[in-house]
Amino acid sequence: MILIGVLAVIFVAFLVVVNLLDNKSLNGIKAKKVGNGQHGTARWATKTEIKRTFIPLPFEPELWRQGKNLPTVQGTVVGCRGSGRRTT
């Protein structure tokens, strides 16, 4: 009987802590009028922003597979420029 009482007290304490710490509801979000930043703020990056953000690397997979001329930076390929058989 004592064990059940202790477990009940622990359970109630747990519920109180959860309700106090995890009060994440959508009721506190203020409604905004349309046009107040929710839509229509996307734009294309400028050439300056692209140069500042991305690093151009020569695309040489054959040399990379041989362990030669490996890039010193890591990342994701986001684009490719090429003319004929040469791709950069």
PDB file of N, CA and C in Angstrom:
ATOM      1  N   MET A   1       0.812  -1.178   0.000  1.00  0.00           N
ATOM      2  CA  MET A   1       0.000   0.000   0.000  1.00  0.00           C
ATOM      3  C   MET A   1       0.870   1.263   0.000  1.00  0.00           C
ATOM      4  N   ILE A   2       1.967   1.205   0.774  1.00  0.00           N
ATOM      5  CA  ILE A   2       2.878   2.345   0.830  1.00  0.00           C
ATOM      6  C   ILE A   2       3.519   2.572  -0.541  1.00  0.00           C
ATOM      7  N   LEU A   3       3.868   1.484  -1.219  1.00  0.00           N
ATOM      8  CA  LEU A   3       4.488   1.569  -2.540  1.00  0.00           C
ATOM      9  C   LEU A   3       3.551   2.248  -3.546  1.00  0.00           C
ATOM     10  N   ILE A   4       2.271   1.919  -3.485  1.00  0.00           N
ATOM     11  CA  ILE A   4       1.296   2.537  -4.389  1.00  0.00           C
ATOM     12  C   ILE A   4       1.168   4.033  -4.071  1.00  0.00           C
ATOM     13  N   GLY A   5       1.178   4.390  -2.814  1.00  0.00           N
ATOM     14  CA  GLY A   5       1.110   5.801  -2.422  1.00  0.00           C
ATOM     15  C   GLY A   5       2.337   6.579  -2.898  1.00  0.00           C
ATOM     16  N   VAL A   6       3.519   5.992  -2.761  1.00  0.00           N
ATOM     17  CA  VAL A   6       4.753   6.648  -3.213  1.00  0.00           C
ATOM     18  C   VAL A   6       4.723   6.820  -4.730  1.00  0.00           C
ATOM     19  N   LEU A   7       4.288   5.790  -5.454  1.00  0.00           N
ATOM     20  CA  LEU A   7       4.204   5.884  -6.911  1.00  0.00           C
ATOM     21  C   LEU A   7       3.191   6.940  -7.346  1.00  0.00           C
ATOM     22  N   ALA A   8       2.092   7.050  -6.623  1.00  0.00           N
ATOM     23  CA  ALA A   8       1.091   8.073  -6.952  1.00  0.00           C
ATOM     24  C   ALA A   8       1.654   9.475  -6.733  1.00  0.00           C
ATOM     25  N   VAL A   9       2.395   9.679  -5.657  1.00  0.00           N
ATOM     26  CA  VAL A   9       3.007  10.983  -5.390  1.00  0.00           C
ATOM     27  C   VAL A   9       4.039  11.318  -6.467  1.00  0.00           C
ATOM     28  N   ILE A  10       4.837  10.349  -6.863  1.00  0.00           N
ATOM     29  CA  ILE A  10       5.833  10.568  -7.920  1.00  0.00           C
ATOM     30  C   ILE A  10       5.146  10.905  -9.229  1.00  0.00           C
ATOM     31  N   PHE A  11       4.079  10.212  -9.539  1.00  0.00           N
ATOM     32  CA  PHE A  11       3.344  10.464 -10.782  1.00  0.00           C
ATOM     33  C   PHE A  11       2.743  11.859 -10.795  1.00  0.00           C
ATOM     34  N   VAL A  12       2.157  12.288  -9.698  1.00  0.00           N
ATOM     35  CA  VAL A  12       1.581  13.625  -9.608  1.00  0.00           C
ATOM     36  C   VAL A  12       2.684  14.677  -9.718  1.00  0.00           C
ATOM     37  N   ALA A  13       3.809  14.445  -9.074  1.00  0.00           N
ATOM     38  CA  ALA A  13       4.932  15.386  -9.166  1.00  0.00           C
ATOM     39  C   ALA A  13       5.441  15.472 -10.601  1.00  0.00           C
ATOM     40  N   PHE A  14       5.499  14.346 -11.280  1.00  0.00           N
ATOM     41  CA  PHE A  14       5.919  14.322 -12.678  1.00  0.00           C
ATOM     42  C   PHE A  14       4.970  15.130 -13.551  1.00  0.00           C
ATOM     43  N   LEU A  15       3.674  14.964 -13.344  1.00  0.00           N
ATOM     44  CA  LEU A  15       2.696  15.726 -14.124  1.00  0.00           C
ATOM     45  C   LEU A  15       2.818  17.224 -13.868  1.00  0.00           C
ATOM     46  N   VAL A  16       3.064  17.601 -12.629  1.00  0.00           N
ATOM     47  CA  VAL A  16       3.219  19.018 -12.298  1.00  0.00           C
ATOM     48  C   VAL A  16       4.456  19.582 -12.990  1.00  0.00           C
ATOM     49  N   VAL A  17       5.567  18.856 -12.945  1.00  0.00           N
ATOM     50  CA  VAL A  17       6.798  19.322 -13.581  1.00  0.00           C
ATOM     51  C   VAL A  17       6.621  19.430 -15.091  1.00  0.00           C
ATOM     52  N   VAL A  18       5.986  18.454 -15.704  1.00  0.00           N
ATOM     53  CA  VAL A  18       5.771  18.482 -17.150  1.00  0.00           C
ATOM     54  C   VAL A  18       4.908  19.664 -17.545  1.00  0.00           C
ATOM     55  N   ASN A  19       3.871  19.925 -16.801  1.00  0.00           N
ATOM     56  CA  ASN A  19       2.991  21.052 -17.114  1.00  0.00           C
ATOM     57  C   ASN A  19       3.663  22.398 -16.889  1.00  0.00           C
ATOM     58  N   LEU A  20       4.558  22.501 -15.933  1.00  0.00           N
ATOM     59  CA  LEU A  20       5.241  23.757 -15.672  1.00  0.00           C
ATOM     60  C   LEU A  20       6.351  24.028 -16.688  1.00  0.00           C
ATOM     61  N   LEU A  21       7.083  23.010 -17.075  1.00  0.00           N
ATOM     62  CA  LEU A  21       8.223  23.191 -17.962  1.00  0.00           C
ATOM     63  C   LEU A  21       7.862  23.142 -19.436  1.00  0.00           C
ATOM     64  N   ASP A  22       6.839  22.433 -19.798  1.00  0.00           N
ATOM     65  CA  ASP A  22       6.529  22.224 -21.211  1.00  0.00           C
ATOM     66  C   ASP A  22       5.220  22.903 -21.574  1.00  0.00           C
ATOM     67  N   ASN A  23       5.154  24.196 -21.337  1.00  0.00           N
ATOM     68  CA  ASN A  23       3.944  24.945 -21.640  1.00  0.00           C
ATOM     69  C   ASN A  23       4.076  25.553 -23.030  1.00  0.00           C
ATOM     70  N   LYS A  24       4.116  24.711 -24.052  1.00  0.00           N
ATOM     71  CA  LYS A  24       4.290  25.163 -25.428  1.00  0.00           C
ATOM     72  C   LYS A  24       2.960  25.010 -26.160  1.00  0.00           C
ATOM     73  N   SER A  25       2.190  26.053 -26.158  1.00  0.00           N
ATOM     74  CA  SER A  25       0.932  26.004 -26.887  1.00  0.00           C
ATOM     75  C   SER A  25       0.942  27.090 -27.942  1.00  0.00           C
ATOM     76  N   LEU A  26       0.037  27.016 -28.873  1.00  0.00           N
ATOM     77  CA  LEU A  26      -0.063  27.986 -29.949  1.00  0.00           C
ATOM     78  C   LEU A  26      -0.872  29.211 -29.546  1.00  0.00           C
ATOM     79  N   ASN A  27      -1.363  29.249 -28.324  1.00  0.00           N
ATOM     80  CA  ASN A  27      -2.200  30.362 -27.888  1.00  0.00           C
ATOM     81  C   ASN A  27      -1.413  31.659 -27.720  1.00  0.00           C
ATOM     82  N   GLY A  28      -0.101  31.575 -27.507  1.00  0.00           N
ATOM     83  CA  GLY A  28       0.697  32.768 -27.279  1.00  0.00           C
ATOM     84  C   GLY A  28       1.177  33.434 -28.561  1.00  0.00           C
ATOM     85  N   ILE A  29       0.918  32.849 -29.715  1.00  0.00           N
ATOM     86  CA  ILE A  29       1.373  33.419 -30.978  1.00  0.00           C
ATOM     87  C   ILE A  29       0.401  34.495 -31.421  1.00  0.00           C
ATOM     88  N   LYS A  30       0.931  35.688 -31.661  1.00  0.00           N
ATOM     89  CA  LYS A  30       0.080  36.780 -32.116  1.00  0.00           C
ATOM     90  C   LYS A  30      -0.259  36.585 -33.586  1.00  0.00           C
ATOM     91  N   ALA A  31      -1.482  36.853 -33.923  1.00  0.00           N
ATOM     92  CA  ALA A  31      -1.890  36.794 -35.324  1.00  0.00           C
ATOM     93  C   ALA A  31      -1.364  38.029 -36.037  1.00  0.00           C
ATOM     94  N   LYS A  32      -0.842  37.830 -37.250  1.00  0.00           N
ATOM     95  CA  LYS A  32      -0.346  38.945 -38.044  1.00  0.00           C
ATOM     96  C   LYS A  32      -1.217  39.098 -39.273  1.00  0.00           C
ATOM     97  N   LYS A  33      -1.306  40.312 -39.732  1.00  0.00           N
ATOM     98  CA  LYS A  33      -2.036  40.546 -40.967  1.00  0.00           C
ATOM     99  C   LYS A  33      -1.217  40.038 -42.135  1.00  0.00           C
ATOM    100  N   VAL A  34      -1.874  39.617 -43.187  1.00  0.00           N
ATOM    101  CA  VAL A  34      -1.182  39.154 -44.382  1.00  0.00           C
ATOM    102  C   VAL A  34      -0.393  40.314 -44.952  1.00  0.00           C
ATOM    103  N   GLY A  35       0.821  40.043 -45.377  1.00  0.00           N
ATOM    104  CA  GLY A  35       1.681  41.080 -45.909  1.00  0.00           C
ATOM    105  C   GLY A  35       2.624  41.654 -44.876  1.00  0.00           C
ATOM    106  N   ASN A  36       2.599  41.127 -43.688  1.00  0.00           N
ATOM    107  CA  ASN A  36       3.468  41.601 -42.625  1.00  0.00           C
ATOM    108  C   ASN A  36       4.687  40.689 -42.485  1.00  0.00           C
ATOM    109  N   GLY A  37       5.197  40.198 -43.616  1.00  0.00           N
ATOM    110  CA  GLY A  37       6.400  39.377 -43.587  1.00  0.00           C
ATOM    111  C   GLY A  37       6.171  37.890 -43.724  1.00  0.00           C
ATOM    112  N   GLN A  38       4.926  37.438 -43.767  1.00  0.00           N
ATOM    113  CA  GLN A  38       4.699  36.000 -43.870  1.00  0.00           C
ATOM    114  C   GLN A  38       4.930  35.482 -45.288  1.00  0.00           C
ATOM    115  N   HIS A  39       4.608  36.287 -46.289  1.00  0.00           N
ATOM    116  CA  HIS A  39       4.692  35.836 -47.668  1.00  0.00           C
ATOM    117  C   HIS A  39       5.367  36.909 -48.509  1.00  0.00           C
ATOM    118  N   GLY A  40       6.049  36.486 -49.539  1.00  0.00           N
ATOM    119  CA  GLY A  40       6.573  37.429 -50.502  1.00  0.00           C
ATOM    120  C   GLY A  40       7.900  38.057 -50.152  1.00  0.00           C
ATOM    121  N   THR A  41       8.648  37.497 -49.202  1.00  0.00           N
ATOM    122  CA  THR A  41       9.933  38.078 -48.857  1.00  0.00           C
ATOM    123  C   THR A  41      11.094  37.327 -49.488  1.00  0.00           C
ATOM    124  N   ALA A  42      10.828  36.255 -50.215  1.00  0.00           N
ATOM    125  CA  ALA A  42      11.899  35.495 -50.862  1.00  0.00           C
ATOM    126  C   ALA A  42      12.421  36.270 -52.065  1.00  0.00           C
ATOM    127  N   ARG A  43      13.718  36.076 -52.359  1.00  0.00           N
ATOM    128  CA  ARG A  43      14.312  36.726 -53.517  1.00  0.00           C
ATOM    129  C   ARG A  43      15.515  35.913 -53.960  1.00  0.00           C
ATOM    130  N   TRP A  44      15.977  36.167 -55.164  1.00  0.00           N
ATOM    131  CA  TRP A  44      17.176  35.518 -55.669  1.00  0.00           C
ATOM    132  C   TRP A  44      18.392  36.185 -55.046  1.00  0.00           C
ATOM    133  N   ALA A  45      19.441  35.404 -54.846  1.00  0.00           N
ATOM    134  CA  ALA A  45      20.675  35.954 -54.291  1.00  0.00           C
ATOM    135  C   ALA A  45      21.377  36.796 -55.348  1.00  0.00           C
ATOM    136  N   THR A  46      22.058  37.831 -54.889  1.00  0.00           N
ATOM    137  CA  THR A  46      22.832  38.662 -55.801  1.00  0.00           C
ATOM    138  C   THR A  46      24.164  37.974 -56.096  1.00  0.00           C
ATOM    139  N   LYS A  47      24.867  38.453 -57.120  1.00  0.00           N
ATOM    140  CA  LYS A  47      26.167  37.860 -57.474  1.00  0.00           C
ATOM    141  C   LYS A  47      27.158  37.997 -56.319  1.00  0.00           C
ATOM    142  N   THR A  48      27.100  39.102 -55.614  1.00  0.00           N
ATOM    143  CA  THR A  48      27.993  39.308 -54.474  1.00  0.00           C
ATOM    144  C   THR A  48      27.709  38.301 -53.365  1.00  0.00           C
ATOM    145  N   GLU A  49      26.434  38.052 -53.078  1.00  0.00           N
ATOM    146  CA  GLU A  49      26.075  37.078 -52.042  1.00  0.00           C
ATOM    147  C   GLU A  49      26.486  35.670 -52.445  1.00  0.00           C
ATOM    148  N   ILE A  50      26.356  35.357 -53.720  1.00  0.00           N
ATOM    149  CA  ILE A  50      26.756  34.025 -54.194  1.00  0.00           C
ATOM    150  C   ILE A  50      28.261  33.848 -54.050  1.00  0.00           C
ATOM    151  N   LYS A  51      29.035  34.867 -54.434  1.00  0.00           N
ATOM    152  CA  LYS A  51      30.498  34.781 -54.312  1.00  0.00           C
ATOM    153  C   LYS A  51      30.930  34.671 -52.858  1.00  0.00           C
ATOM    154  N   ARG A  52      30.216  35.353 -51.962  1.00  0.00           N
ATOM    155  CA  ARG A  52      30.556  35.314 -50.546  1.00  0.00           C
ATOM    156  C   ARG A  52      30.190  33.977 -49.906  1.00  0.00           C
ATOM    157  N   THR A  53      29.145  33.319 -50.401  1.00  0.00           N
ATOM    158  CA  THR A  53      28.626  32.108 -49.769  1.00  0.00           C
ATOM    159  C   THR A  53      29.257  30.832 -50.310  1.00  0.00           C
ATOM    160  N   PHE A  54      29.434  30.767 -51.624  1.00  0.00           N
ATOM    161  CA  PHE A  54      29.879  29.526 -52.256  1.00  0.00           C
ATOM    162  C   PHE A  54      31.325  29.621 -52.713  1.00  0.00           C
ATOM    163  N   ILE A  55      32.003  28.484 -52.734  1.00  0.00           N
ATOM    164  CA  ILE A  55      33.397  28.413 -53.153  1.00  0.00           C
ATOM    165  C   ILE A  55      33.465  27.643 -54.466  1.00  0.00           C
ATOM    166  N   PRO A  56      33.955  28.272 -55.533  1.00  0.00           N
ATOM    167  CA  PRO A  56      34.079  27.530 -56.795  1.00  0.00           C
ATOM    168  C   PRO A  56      35.272  26.572 -56.742  1.00  0.00           C
ATOM    169  N   LEU A  57      35.054  25.345 -57.135  1.00  0.00           N
ATOM    170  CA  LEU A  57      36.101  24.330 -57.179  1.00  0.00           C
ATOM    171  C   LEU A  57      36.109  23.672 -58.556  1.00  0.00           C
ATOM    172  N   PRO A  58      37.277  23.348 -59.071  1.00  0.00           N
ATOM    173  CA  PRO A  58      37.305  22.613 -60.334  1.00  0.00           C
ATOM    174  C   PRO A  58      36.788  21.189 -60.116  1.00  0.00           C
ATOM    175  N   PHE A  59      35.937  20.755 -61.017  1.00  0.00           N
ATOM    176  CA  PHE A  59      35.332  19.424 -60.908  1.00  0.00           C
ATOM    177  C   PHE A  59      36.224  18.438 -61.641  1.00  0.00           C
ATOM    178  N   GLU A  60      37.025  17.695 -60.897  1.00  0.00           N
ATOM    179  CA  GLU A  60      37.988  16.748 -61.467  1.00  0.00           C
ATOM    180  C   GLU A  60      37.857  15.384 -60.788  1.00  0.00           C
ATOM    181  N   PRO A  61      36.775  14.666 -61.035  1.00  0.00           N
ATOM    182  CA  PRO A  61      36.564  13.410 -60.315  1.00  0.00           C
ATOM    183  C   PRO A  61      37.619  12.346 -60.607  1.00  0.00           C
ATOM    184  N   GLU A  62      38.155  12.349 -61.821  1.00  0.00           N
ATOM    185  CA  GLU A  62      39.170  11.336 -62.146  1.00  0.00           C
ATOM    186  C   GLU A  62      40.415  11.518 -61.283  1.00  0.00           C
ATOM    187  N   LEU A  63      40.860  12.755 -61.115  1.00  0.00           N
ATOM    188  CA  LEU A  63      42.012  13.022 -60.252  1.00  0.00           C
ATOM    189  C   LEU A  63      41.674  12.766 -58.789  1.00  0.00           C
ATOM    190  N   TRP A  64      40.460  13.120 -58.384  1.00  0.00           N
ATOM    191  CA  TRP A  64      40.062  12.896 -56.997  1.00  0.00           C
ATOM    192  C   TRP A  64      40.072  11.420 -56.653  1.00  0.00           C
ATOM    193  N   ARG A  65      39.643  10.592 -57.592  1.00  0.00           N
ATOM    194  CA  ARG A  65      39.638   9.138 -57.335  1.00  0.00           C
ATOM    195  C   ARG A  65      41.050   8.594 -57.171  1.00  0.00           C
ATOM    196  N   GLN A  66      42.030   9.263 -57.772  1.00  0.00           N
ATOM    197  CA  GLN A  66      43.428   8.858 -57.635  1.00  0.00           C
ATOM    198  C   GLN A  66      44.079   9.493 -56.416  1.00  0.00           C
ATOM    199  N   GLY A  67      43.318  10.346 -55.706  1.00  0.00           N
ATOM    200  CA  GLY A  67      43.844  11.005 -54.521  1.00  0.00           C
ATOM    201  C   GLY A  67      44.642  12.250 -54.848  1.00  0.00           C
ATOM    202  N   LYS A  68      44.507  12.778 -56.062  1.00  0.00           N
ATOM    203  CA  LYS A  68      45.256  13.959 -56.481  1.00  0.00           C
ATOM    204  C   LYS A  68      44.322  15.161 -56.539  1.00  0.00           C
ATOM    205  N   ASN A  69      44.884  16.343 -56.244  1.00  0.00           N
ATOM    206  CA  ASN A  69      44.162  17.607 -56.359  1.00  0.00           C
ATOM    207  C   ASN A  69      42.820  17.576 -55.611  1.00  0.00           C
ATOM    208  N   LEU A  70      42.845  17.000 -54.400  1.00  0.00           N
ATOM    209  CA  LEU A  70      41.616  16.898 -53.604  1.00  0.00           C
ATOM    210  C   LEU A  70      41.241  18.266 -53.043  1.00  0.00           C
ATOM    211  N   PRO A  71      39.944  18.575 -52.981  1.00  0.00           N
ATOM    212  CA  PRO A  71      39.516  19.851 -52.384  1.00  0.00           C
ATOM    213  C   PRO A  71      39.869  19.887 -50.902  1.00  0.00           C
ATOM    214  N   THR A  72      40.168  21.075 -50.413  1.00  0.00           N
ATOM    215  CA  THR A  72      40.510  21.227 -48.989  1.00  0.00           C
ATOM    216  C   THR A  72      39.283  21.548 -48.140  1.00  0.00           C
ATOM    217  N   VAL A  73      38.157  21.851 -48.787  1.00  0.00           N
ATOM    218  CA  VAL A  73      36.930  22.159 -48.065  1.00  0.00           C
ATOM    219  C   VAL A  73      35.896  21.080 -48.337  1.00  0.00           C
ATOM    220  N   GLN A  74      34.988  20.899 -47.375  1.00  0.00           N
ATOM    221  CA  GLN A  74      33.916  19.939 -47.554  1.00  0.00           C
ATOM    222  C   GLN A  74      32.623  20.681 -47.803  1.00  0.00           C
ATOM    223  N   GLY A  75      31.692  20.015 -48.466  1.00  0.00           N
ATOM    224  CA  GLY A  75      30.412  20.640 -48.700  1.00  0.00           C
ATOM    225  C   GLY A  75      29.588  19.857 -49.691  1.00  0.00           C
ATOM    226  N   THR A  76      28.565  20.489 -50.180  1.00  0.00           N
ATOM    227  CA  THR A  76      27.631  19.883 -51.120  1.00  0.00           C
ATOM    228  C   THR A  76      27.740  20.602 -52.454  1.00  0.00           C
ATOM    229  N   VAL A  77      27.752  19.843 -53.524  1.00  0.00           N
ATOM    230  CA  VAL A  77      27.781  20.433 -54.848  1.00  0.00           C
ATOM    231  C   VAL A  77      26.393  20.985 -55.136  1.00  0.00           C
ATOM    232  N   VAL A  78      26.322  22.282 -55.418  1.00  0.00           N
ATOM    233  CA  VAL A  78      25.034  22.907 -55.673  1.00  0.00           C
ATOM    234  C   VAL A  78      24.870  23.337 -57.120  1.00  0.00           C
ATOM    235  N   GLY A  79      25.918  23.241 -57.894  1.00  0.00           N
ATOM    236  CA  GLY A  79      25.806  23.646 -59.290  1.00  0.00           C
ATOM    237  C   GLY A  79      27.024  23.203 -60.068  1.00  0.00           C
ATOM    238  N   CYS A  80      26.912  23.316 -61.371  1.00  0.00           N
ATOM    239  CA  CYS A  80      27.990  22.858 -62.228  1.00  0.00           C
ATOM    240  C   CYS A  80      27.968  23.692 -63.505  1.00  0.00           C
ATOM    241  N   ARG A  81      29.138  24.121 -63.943  1.00  0.00           N
ATOM    242  CA  ARG A  81      29.274  24.849 -65.201  1.00  0.00           C
ATOM    243  C   ARG A  81      30.147  24.025 -66.124  1.00  0.00           C
ATOM    244  N   GLY A  82      29.785  23.942 -67.360  1.00  0.00           N
ATOM    245  CA  GLY A  82      30.611  23.167 -68.273  1.00  0.00           C
ATOM    246  C   GLY A  82      30.490  23.618 -69.708  1.00  0.00           C
ATOM    247  N   SER A  83      31.528  23.304 -70.460  1.00  0.00           N
ATOM    248  CA  SER A  83      31.511  23.554 -71.888  1.00  0.00           C
ATOM    249  C   SER A  83      32.184  22.354 -72.553  1.00  0.00           C
ATOM    250  N   GLY A  84      31.423  21.617 -73.311  1.00  0.00           N
ATOM    251  CA  GLY A  84      31.985  20.412 -73.941  1.00  0.00           C
ATOM    252  C   GLY A  84      32.279  19.370 -72.897  1.00  0.00           C
ATOM    253  N   ARG A  85      33.515  18.878 -72.916  1.00  0.00           N
ATOM    254  CA  ARG A  85      33.909  17.824 -71.976  1.00  0.00           C
ATOM    255  C   ARG A  85      34.494  18.386 -70.696  1.00  0.00           C
ATOM    256  N   ARG A  86      34.770  19.686 -70.657  1.00  0.00           N
ATOM    257  CA  ARG A  86      35.367  20.308 -69.476  1.00  0.00           C
ATOM    258  C   ARG A  86      34.269  20.861 -68.574  1.00  0.00           C
ATOM    259  N   THR A  87      34.277  20.439 -67.354  1.00  0.00           N
ATOM    260  CA  THR A  87      33.269  20.886 -66.381  1.00  0.00           C
ATOM    261  C   THR A  87      33.988  21.474 -65.187  1.00  0.00           C
ATOM    262  N   THR A  88      33.529  22.631 -64.726  1.00  0.00           N
ATOM    263  CA  THR A  88      34.123  23.252 -63.536  1.00  0.00           C
ATOM    264  C   THR A  88      33.062  23.459 -62.486  1.00  0.00           C
TER     265      THR A  88
END
